[in-house]
Structure formats: C-alpha cells, structure tokens
Amino acid sequence: ITSFGKFKGVRDSGLAYKHFWQKATEIPVMTKTESD
C-alpha cells in the first residue's frame, strides 16, 4: 500500500481495507527458484 508514492503498509492474501486514495500493488511472495 502506497500513498502518493510513499510506502504505507502491507496487506496479506485475502480481503483487506485501505484508504480510497491509496494504491495497492500486488507482488508474489511464494517460493521461487533460480538455477544456472
């Protein structure tokens, strides 16, 4: 959750609330793999 470009908090999976002017950016946090 960001407000005018500033970080304000995190919402975990499921339904949650934020102020209507704030922006929510979803990112994956499950385990990922890199190989080489």
All heavy atoms as atom14 arrays in JSON, in Angstrom:
{
  "sequence": "ITSFGKFKGVRDSGLAYKHFWQKATEIPVMTKTESD",
  "atom14_mask": [
    [1, 1, 1, 1, 1, 1, 1, 1, 0, 0, 0, 0, 0, 0],
    [1, 1, 1, 1, 1, 1, 1, 0, 0, 0, 0, 0, 0, 0],
    [1, 1, 1, 1, 1, 1, 0, 0, 0, 0, 0, 0, 0, 0],
    [1, 1, 1, 1, 1, 1, 1, 1, 1, 1, 1, 0, 0, 0],
    [1, 1, 1, 1, 0, 0, 0, 0, 0, 0, 0, 0, 0, 0],
    [1, 1, 1, 1, 1, 1, 1, 1, 1, 0, 0, 0, 0, 0],
    [1, 1, 1, 1, 1, 1, 1, 1, 1, 1, 1, 0, 0, 0],
    [1, 1, 1, 1, 1, 1, 1, 1, 1, 0, 0, 0, 0, 0],
    [1, 1, 1, 1, 0, 0, 0, 0, 0, 0, 0, 0, 0, 0],
    [1, 1, 1, 1, 1, 1, 1, 0, 0, 0, 0, 0, 0, 0],
    [1, 1, 1, 1, 1, 1, 1, 1, 1, 1, 1, 0, 0, 0],
    [1, 1, 1, 1, 1, 1, 1, 1, 0, 0, 0, 0, 0, 0],
    [1, 1, 1, 1, 1, 1, 0, 0, 0, 0, 0, 0, 0, 0],
    [1, 1, 1, 1, 0, 0, 0, 0, 0, 0, 0, 0, 0, 0],
    [1, 1, 1, 1, 1, 1, 1, 1, 0, 0, 0, 0, 0, 0],
    [1, 1, 1, 1, 1, 0, 0, 0, 0, 0, 0, 0, 0, 0],
    [1, 1, 1, 1, 1, 1, 1, 1, 1, 1, 1, 1, 0, 0],
    [1, 1, 1, 1, 1, 1, 1, 1, 1, 0, 0, 0, 0, 0],
    [1, 1, 1, 1, 1, 1, 1, 1, 1, 1, 0, 0, 0, 0],
    [1, 1, 1, 1, 1, 1, 1, 1, 1, 1, 1, 0, 0, 0],
    [1, 1, 1, 1, 1, 1, 1, 1, 1, 1, 1, 1, 1, 1],
    [1, 1, 1, 1, 1, 1, 1, 1, 1, 0, 0, 0, 0, 0],
    [1, 1, 1, 1, 1, 1, 1, 1, 1, 0, 0, 0, 0, 0],
    [1, 1, 1, 1, 1, 0, 0, 0, 0, 0, 0, 0, 0, 0],
    [1, 1, 1, 1, 1, 1, 1, 0, 0, 0, 0, 0, 0, 0],
    [1, 1, 1, 1, 1, 1, 1, 1, 1, 0, 0, 0, 0, 0],
    [1, 1, 1, 1, 1, 1, 1, 1, 0, 0, 0, 0, 0, 0],
    [1, 1, 1, 1, 1, 1, 1, 0, 0, 0, 0, 0, 0, 0],
    [1, 1, 1, 1, 1, 1, 1, 0, 0, 0, 0, 0, 0, 0],
    [1, 1, 1, 1, 1, 1, 1, 1, 0, 0, 0, 0, 0, 0],
    [1, 1, 1, 1, 1, 1, 1, 0, 0, 0, 0, 0, 0, 0],
    [1, 1, 1, 1, 1, 1, 1, 1, 1, 0, 0, 0, 0, 0],
    [1, 1, 1, 1, 1, 1, 1, 0, 0, 0, 0, 0, 0, 0],
    [1, 1, 1, 1, 1, 1, 1, 1, 1, 0, 0, 0, 0, 0],
    [1, 1, 1, 1, 1, 1, 0, 0, 0, 0, 0, 0, 0, 0],
    [1, 1, 1, 1, 1, 1, 1, 1, 0, 0, 0, 0, 0, 0]
  ],
  "atom14_positions": [
    [[0.85, -1.19, 0.0], [0.0, 0.0, 0.0], [0.88, 1.24, 0.0], [1.76, 1.4, 0.85], [-0.93, 0.02, 1.23], [-1.7, -1.31, 1.35], [-1.89, 1.19, 1.15], [-2.53, -1.66, 0.15], [0.0, 0.0, 0.0], [0.0, 0.0, 0.0], [0.0, 0.0, 0.0], [0.0, 0.0, 0.0], [0.0, 0.0, 0.0], [0.0, 0.0, 0.0]],
    [[0.65, 2.12, -0.97], [1.4, 3.37, -1.06], [0.44, 4.55, -1.14], [-0.69, 4.42, -1.62], [2.32, 3.38, -2.3], [1.53, 3.14, -3.48], [3.38, 2.31, -2.19], [0.0, 0.0, 0.0], [0.0, 0.0, 0.0], [0.0, 0.0, 0.0], [0.0, 0.0, 0.0], [0.0, 0.0, 0.0], [0.0, 0.0, 0.0], [0.0, 0.0, 0.0]],
    [[0.9, 5.67, -0.65], [0.13, 6.9, -0.71], [1.01, 7.98, -1.31], [2.01, 8.39, -0.7], [-0.34, 7.31, 0.7], [-1.09, 8.51, 0.66], [0.0, 0.0, 0.0], [0.0, 0.0, 0.0], [0.0, 0.0, 0.0], [0.0, 0.0, 0.0], [0.0, 0.0, 0.0], [0.0, 0.0, 0.0], [0.0, 0.0, 0.0], [0.0, 0.0, 0.0]],
    [[0.67, 8.4, -2.53], [1.46, 9.41, -3.25], [2.93, 9.0, -3.35], [3.84, 9.81, -3.14], [1.31, 10.78, -2.6], [-0.12, 11.22, -2.46], [-0.73, 11.22, -1.22], [-0.86, 11.6, -3.57], [-2.06, 11.61, -1.09], [-2.18, 11.99, -3.44], [-2.79, 12.0, -2.2], [0.0, 0.0, 0.0], [0.0, 0.0, 0.0], [0.0, 0.0, 0.0]],
    [[3.14, 7.69, -3.63], [4.49, 7.19, -3.84], [5.23, 6.75, -2.59], [6.34, 6.23, -2.69], [0.0, 0.0, 0.0], [0.0, 0.0, 0.0], [0.0, 0.0, 0.0], [0.0, 0.0, 0.0], [0.0, 0.0, 0.0], [0.0, 0.0, 0.0], [0.0, 0.0, 0.0], [0.0, 0.0, 0.0], [0.0, 0.0, 0.0], [0.0, 0.0, 0.0]],
    [[4.63, 6.94, -1.41], [5.29, 6.57, -0.16], [4.67, 5.29, 0.41], [3.45, 5.14, 0.43], [5.18, 7.7, 0.86], [5.95, 8.95, 0.47], [5.9, 10.0, 1.57], [6.72, 11.24, 1.19], [6.68, 12.26, 2.26], [0.0, 0.0, 0.0], [0.0, 0.0, 0.0], [0.0, 0.0, 0.0], [0.0, 0.0, 0.0], [0.0, 0.0, 0.0]],
    [[5.54, 4.38, 0.87], [5.08, 3.11, 1.41], [4.3, 3.31, 2.7], [4.73, 4.03, 3.6], [6.28, 2.2, 1.66], [5.92, 0.9, 2.33], [5.27, -0.1, 1.63], [6.23, 0.68, 3.67], [4.94, -1.3, 2.24], [5.9, -0.5, 4.28], [5.25, -1.5, 3.57], [0.0, 0.0, 0.0], [0.0, 0.0, 0.0], [0.0, 0.0, 0.0]],
    [[3.14, 2.66, 2.81], [2.29, 2.81, 4.0], [2.0, 1.5, 4.71], [1.62, 1.51, 5.88], [0.96, 3.47, 3.6], [1.11, 4.92, 3.16], [1.65, 5.78, 4.28], [1.78, 7.24, 3.86], [2.34, 8.09, 4.95], [0.0, 0.0, 0.0], [0.0, 0.0, 0.0], [0.0, 0.0, 0.0], [0.0, 0.0, 0.0], [0.0, 0.0, 0.0]],
    [[2.14, 0.38, 4.03], [1.86, -0.88, 4.7], [1.73, -2.04, 3.74], [1.86, -1.89, 2.52], [0.0, 0.0, 0.0], [0.0, 0.0, 0.0], [0.0, 0.0, 0.0], [0.0, 0.0, 0.0], [0.0, 0.0, 0.0], [0.0, 0.0, 0.0], [0.0, 0.0, 0.0], [0.0, 0.0, 0.0], [0.0, 0.0, 0.0], [0.0, 0.0, 0.0]],
    [[1.46, -3.21, 4.32], [1.33, -4.44, 3.55], [0.01, -5.11, 3.9], [-0.4, -5.12, 5.06], [2.5, -5.41, 3.87], [2.3, -6.74, 3.16], [3.82, -4.8, 3.46], [0.0, 0.0, 0.0], [0.0, 0.0, 0.0], [0.0, 0.0, 0.0], [0.0, 0.0, 0.0], [0.0, 0.0, 0.0], [0.0, 0.0, 0.0], [0.0, 0.0, 0.0]],
    [[-0.65, -5.66, 2.9], [-1.86, -6.46, 3.13], [-1.58, -7.89, 2.66], [-1.12, -8.1, 1.54], [-3.05, -5.88, 2.36], [-3.36, -4.41, 2.69], [-3.87, -4.23, 4.1], [-4.29, -2.83, 4.32], [-3.48, -1.88, 4.78], [-2.2, -2.19, 5.06], [-3.93, -0.65, 4.96], [0.0, 0.0, 0.0], [0.0, 0.0, 0.0], [0.0, 0.0, 0.0]],
    [[-1.85, -8.83, 3.54], [-1.65, -10.24, 3.18], [-2.79, -10.74, 2.31], [-3.76, -10.02, 2.04], [-1.51, -11.08, 4.45], [-0.23, -10.76, 5.22], [0.8, -10.52, 4.56], [-0.27, -10.77, 6.46], [0.0, 0.0, 0.0], [0.0, 0.0, 0.0], [0.0, 0.0, 0.0], [0.0, 0.0, 0.0], [0.0, 0.0, 0.0], [0.0, 0.0, 0.0]],
    [[-2.69, -12.01, 1.89], [-3.7, -12.56, 0.99], [-5.09, -12.52, 1.64], [-5.23, -12.7, 2.85], [-3.34, -14.0, 0.61], [-3.25, -14.82, 1.76], [0.0, 0.0, 0.0], [0.0, 0.0, 0.0], [0.0, 0.0, 0.0], [0.0, 0.0, 0.0], [0.0, 0.0, 0.0], [0.0, 0.0, 0.0], [0.0, 0.0, 0.0], [0.0, 0.0, 0.0]],
    [[-6.1, -12.29, 0.81], [-7.47, -12.17, 1.3], [-8.01, -10.76, 1.07], [-7.44, -9.97, 0.33], [0.0, 0.0, 0.0], [0.0, 0.0, 0.0], [0.0, 0.0, 0.0], [0.0, 0.0, 0.0], [0.0, 0.0, 0.0], [0.0, 0.0, 0.0], [0.0, 0.0, 0.0], [0.0, 0.0, 0.0], [0.0, 0.0, 0.0], [0.0, 0.0, 0.0]],
    [[-9.13, -10.46, 1.72], [-9.78, -9.16, 1.58], [-9.32, -8.22, 2.69], [-9.3, -8.6, 3.86], [-11.3, -9.33, 1.63], [-12.15, -8.11, 1.24], [-11.88, -7.71, -0.21], [-13.63, -8.42, 1.45], [0.0, 0.0, 0.0], [0.0, 0.0, 0.0], [0.0, 0.0, 0.0], [0.0, 0.0, 0.0], [0.0, 0.0, 0.0], [0.0, 0.0, 0.0]],
    [[-8.95, -7.01, 2.33], [-8.46, -6.04, 3.31], [-8.92, -4.64, 2.91], [-9.55, -4.44, 1.86], [-6.95, -6.09, 3.42], [0.0, 0.0, 0.0], [0.0, 0.0, 0.0], [0.0, 0.0, 0.0], [0.0, 0.0, 0.0], [0.0, 0.0, 0.0], [0.0, 0.0, 0.0], [0.0, 0.0, 0.0], [0.0, 0.0, 0.0], [0.0, 0.0, 0.0]],
    [[-8.62, -3.66, 3.76], [-9.09, -2.28, 3.57], [-7.89, -1.34, 3.42], [-6.83, -1.55, 3.98], [-9.94, -1.86, 4.76], [-10.32, -0.4, 4.76], [-11.42, 0.04, 4.02], [-9.58, 0.54, 5.48], [-11.77, 1.39, 4.01], [-9.92, 1.89, 5.47], [-11.01, 2.31, 4.73], [-11.35, 3.64, 4.72], [0.0, 0.0, 0.0], [0.0, 0.0, 0.0]],
    [[-8.1, -0.29, 2.62], [-7.15, 0.82, 2.5], [-7.95, 2.09, 2.28], [-9.15, 2.05, 2.01], [-6.18, 0.59, 1.34], [-6.86, 0.63, -0.03], [-5.84, 0.52, -1.15], [-6.52, 0.59, -2.53], [-7.17, 1.87, -2.79], [0.0, 0.0, 0.0], [0.0, 0.0, 0.0], [0.0, 0.0, 0.0], [0.0, 0.0, 0.0], [0.0, 0.0, 0.0]],
    [[-7.3, 3.24, 2.4], [-7.97, 4.49, 2.04], [-8.14, 4.55, 0.52], [-7.29, 4.06, -0.23], [-7.16, 5.69, 2.51], [-7.05, 5.77, 4.01], [-8.16, 5.86, 4.82], [-5.98, 5.74, 4.84], [-7.78, 5.92, 6.09], [-6.46, 5.84, 6.12], [0.0, 0.0, 0.0], [0.0, 0.0, 0.0], [0.0, 0.0, 0.0], [0.0, 0.0, 0.0]],
    [[-9.24, 5.13, 0.08], [-9.57, 5.08, -1.34], [-8.54, 5.77, -2.23], [-8.41, 5.47, -3.4], [-10.98, 5.66, -1.6], [-11.08, 7.15, -1.41], [-10.78, 8.03, -2.44], [-11.49, 7.69, -0.19], [-10.88, 9.4, -2.27], [-11.59, 9.05, -0.01], [-11.28, 9.92, -1.05], [0.0, 0.0, 0.0], [0.0, 0.0, 0.0], [0.0, 0.0, 0.0]],
    [[-7.78, 6.7, -1.66], [-6.79, 7.4, -2.48], [-5.44, 6.64, -2.53], [-4.55, 7.02, -3.28], [-6.54, 8.82, -1.94], [-5.94, 8.86, -0.56], [-4.62, 8.74, -0.22], [-6.66, 9.01, 0.66], [-4.45, 8.82, 1.12], [-5.7, 8.99, 1.71], [-8.0, 9.18, 0.99], [-6.05, 9.12, 3.05], [-8.35, 9.31, 2.33], [-7.39, 9.27, 3.34]],
    [[-5.33, 5.62, -1.76], [-4.08, 4.86, -1.74], [-4.05, 3.83, -2.88], [-5.08, 3.39, -3.37], [-3.9, 4.16, -0.39], [-3.69, 5.13, 0.75], [-3.57, 4.42, 2.09], [-4.21, 3.4, 2.32], [-2.75, 4.97, 2.97], [0.0, 0.0, 0.0], [0.0, 0.0, 0.0], [0.0, 0.0, 0.0], [0.0, 0.0, 0.0], [0.0, 0.0, 0.0]],
    [[-2.85, 3.42, -3.24], [-2.65, 2.47, -4.33], [-2.17, 1.13, -3.77], [-1.35, 1.09, -2.86], [-1.62, 3.01, -5.33], [-1.34, 2.07, -6.5], [-0.28, 2.67, -7.42], [0.04, 1.72, -8.57], [1.1, 2.27, -9.46], [0.0, 0.0, 0.0], [0.0, 0.0, 0.0], [0.0, 0.0, 0.0], [0.0, 0.0, 0.0], [0.0, 0.0, 0.0]],
    [[-2.68, 0.04, -4.33], [-2.26, -1.3, -3.92], [-1.52, -1.97, -5.08], [-2.04, -2.04, -6.2], [-3.47, -2.15, -3.51], [0.0, 0.0, 0.0], [0.0, 0.0, 0.0], [0.0, 0.0, 0.0], [0.0, 0.0, 0.0], [0.0, 0.0, 0.0], [0.0, 0.0, 0.0], [0.0, 0.0, 0.0], [0.0, 0.0, 0.0], [0.0, 0.0, 0.0]],
    [[-0.31, -2.47, -4.8], [0.5, -3.18, -5.8], [0.72, -4.6, -5.33], [1.35, -4.82, -4.28], [1.85, -2.48, -6.02], [1.63, -1.12, -6.41], [2.66, -3.19, -7.09], [0.0, 0.0, 0.0], [0.0, 0.0, 0.0], [0.0, 0.0, 0.0], [0.0, 0.0, 0.0], [0.0, 0.0, 0.0], [0.0, 0.0, 0.0], [0.0, 0.0, 0.0]],
    [[0.24, -5.57, -6.08], [0.34, -6.97, -5.67], [1.63, -7.59, -6.19], [1.98, -7.43, -7.36], [-0.86, -7.76, -6.18], [-0.95, -9.18, -5.66], [-2.22, -9.89, -6.1], [-2.21, -10.52, -7.18], [-3.22, -9.8, -5.37], [0.0, 0.0, 0.0], [0.0, 0.0, 0.0], [0.0, 0.0, 0.0], [0.0, 0.0, 0.0], [0.0, 0.0, 0.0]],
    [[2.35, -8.29, -5.3], [3.57, -8.97, -5.71], [3.55, -10.41, -5.17], [2.98, -10.67, -4.11], [4.85, -8.25, -5.22], [4.91, -8.25, -3.69], [4.92, -6.85, -5.75], [6.23, -7.77, -3.16], [0.0, 0.0, 0.0], [0.0, 0.0, 0.0], [0.0, 0.0, 0.0], [0.0, 0.0, 0.0], [0.0, 0.0, 0.0], [0.0, 0.0, 0.0]],
    [[4.16, -11.35, -5.88], [4.19, -12.75, -5.42], [5.22, -12.93, -4.31], [6.33, -12.4, -4.39], [4.58, -13.53, -6.67], [5.35, -12.54, -7.48], [4.75, -11.19, -7.21], [0.0, 0.0, 0.0], [0.0, 0.0, 0.0], [0.0, 0.0, 0.0], [0.0, 0.0, 0.0], [0.0, 0.0, 0.0], [0.0, 0.0, 0.0], [0.0, 0.0, 0.0]],
    [[4.86, -13.67, -3.26], [5.79, -13.92, -2.17], [6.0, -15.43, -1.96], [6.67, -15.84, -1.02], [5.32, -13.28, -0.85], [5.36, -11.76, -0.95], [3.92, -13.75, -0.48], [0.0, 0.0, 0.0], [0.0, 0.0, 0.0], [0.0, 0.0, 0.0], [0.0, 0.0, 0.0], [0.0, 0.0, 0.0], [0.0, 0.0, 0.0], [0.0, 0.0, 0.0]],
    [[5.42, -16.25, -2.83], [5.65, -17.69, -2.71], [7.08, -18.03, -3.1], [7.79, -17.22, -3.7], [4.65, -18.47, -3.59], [4.93, -18.4, -5.08], [4.39, -16.88, -5.86], [2.63, -17.18, -5.95], [0.0, 0.0, 0.0], [0.0, 0.0, 0.0], [0.0, 0.0, 0.0], [0.0, 0.0, 0.0], [0.0, 0.0, 0.0], [0.0, 0.0, 0.0]],
    [[7.52, -19.22, -2.74], [8.89, -19.64, -3.02], [9.14, -19.71, -4.53], [8.35, -20.27, -5.27], [9.19, -21.01, -2.38], [9.02, -20.91, -0.97], [10.61, -21.46, -2.68], [0.0, 0.0, 0.0], [0.0, 0.0, 0.0], [0.0, 0.0, 0.0], [0.0, 0.0, 0.0], [0.0, 0.0, 0.0], [0.0, 0.0, 0.0], [0.0, 0.0, 0.0]],
    [[10.26, -19.11, -4.93], [10.65, -19.11, -6.35], [12.0, -19.8, -6.49], [12.71, -19.99, -5.5], [10.72, -17.66, -6.86], [9.35, -16.99, -6.95], [9.47, -15.52, -7.26], [9.78, -14.7, -6.02], [8.68, -14.72, -5.03], [0.0, 0.0, 0.0], [0.0, 0.0, 0.0], [0.0, 0.0, 0.0], [0.0, 0.0, 0.0], [0.0, 0.0, 0.0]],
    [[12.35, -20.14, -7.72], [13.58, -20.89, -7.97], [14.41, -20.21, -9.05], [13.87, -19.79, -10.08], [13.27, -22.34, -8.38], [12.53, -22.98, -7.34], [14.56, -23.12, -8.6], [0.0, 0.0, 0.0], [0.0, 0.0, 0.0], [0.0, 0.0, 0.0], [0.0, 0.0, 0.0], [0.0, 0.0, 0.0], [0.0, 0.0, 0.0], [0.0, 0.0, 0.0]],
    [[15.7, -20.13, -8.8], [16.66, -19.66, -9.8], [17.68, -20.78, -10.0], [18.15, -21.38, -9.03], [17.38, -18.4, -9.32], [16.48, -17.29, -8.82], [15.65, -16.66, -9.91], [16.02, -16.8, -11.09], [14.64, -16.01, -9.58], [0.0, 0.0, 0.0], [0.0, 0.0, 0.0], [0.0, 0.0, 0.0], [0.0, 0.0, 0.0], [0.0, 0.0, 0.0]],
    [[18.03, -21.07, -11.23], [19.01, -22.13, -11.47], [19.93, -21.75, -12.62], [19.55, -21.03, -13.54], [18.3, -23.46, -11.78], [17.48, -23.34, -12.92], [0.0, 0.0, 0.0], [0.0, 0.0, 0.0], [0.0, 0.0, 0.0], [0.0, 0.0, 0.0], [0.0, 0.0, 0.0], [0.0, 0.0, 0.0], [0.0, 0.0, 0.0], [0.0, 0.0, 0.0]],
    [[21.17, -22.26, -12.53], [22.14, -21.97, -13.58], [23.3, -22.97, -13.44], [23.46, -23.61, -12.4], [22.67, -20.54, -13.43], [23.31, -20.03, -14.71], [23.37, -20.8, -15.69], [23.76, -18.88, -14.72], [0.0, 0.0, 0.0], [0.0, 0.0, 0.0], [0.0, 0.0, 0.0], [0.0, 0.0, 0.0], [0.0, 0.0, 0.0], [0.0, 0.0, 0.0]]
  ]
}
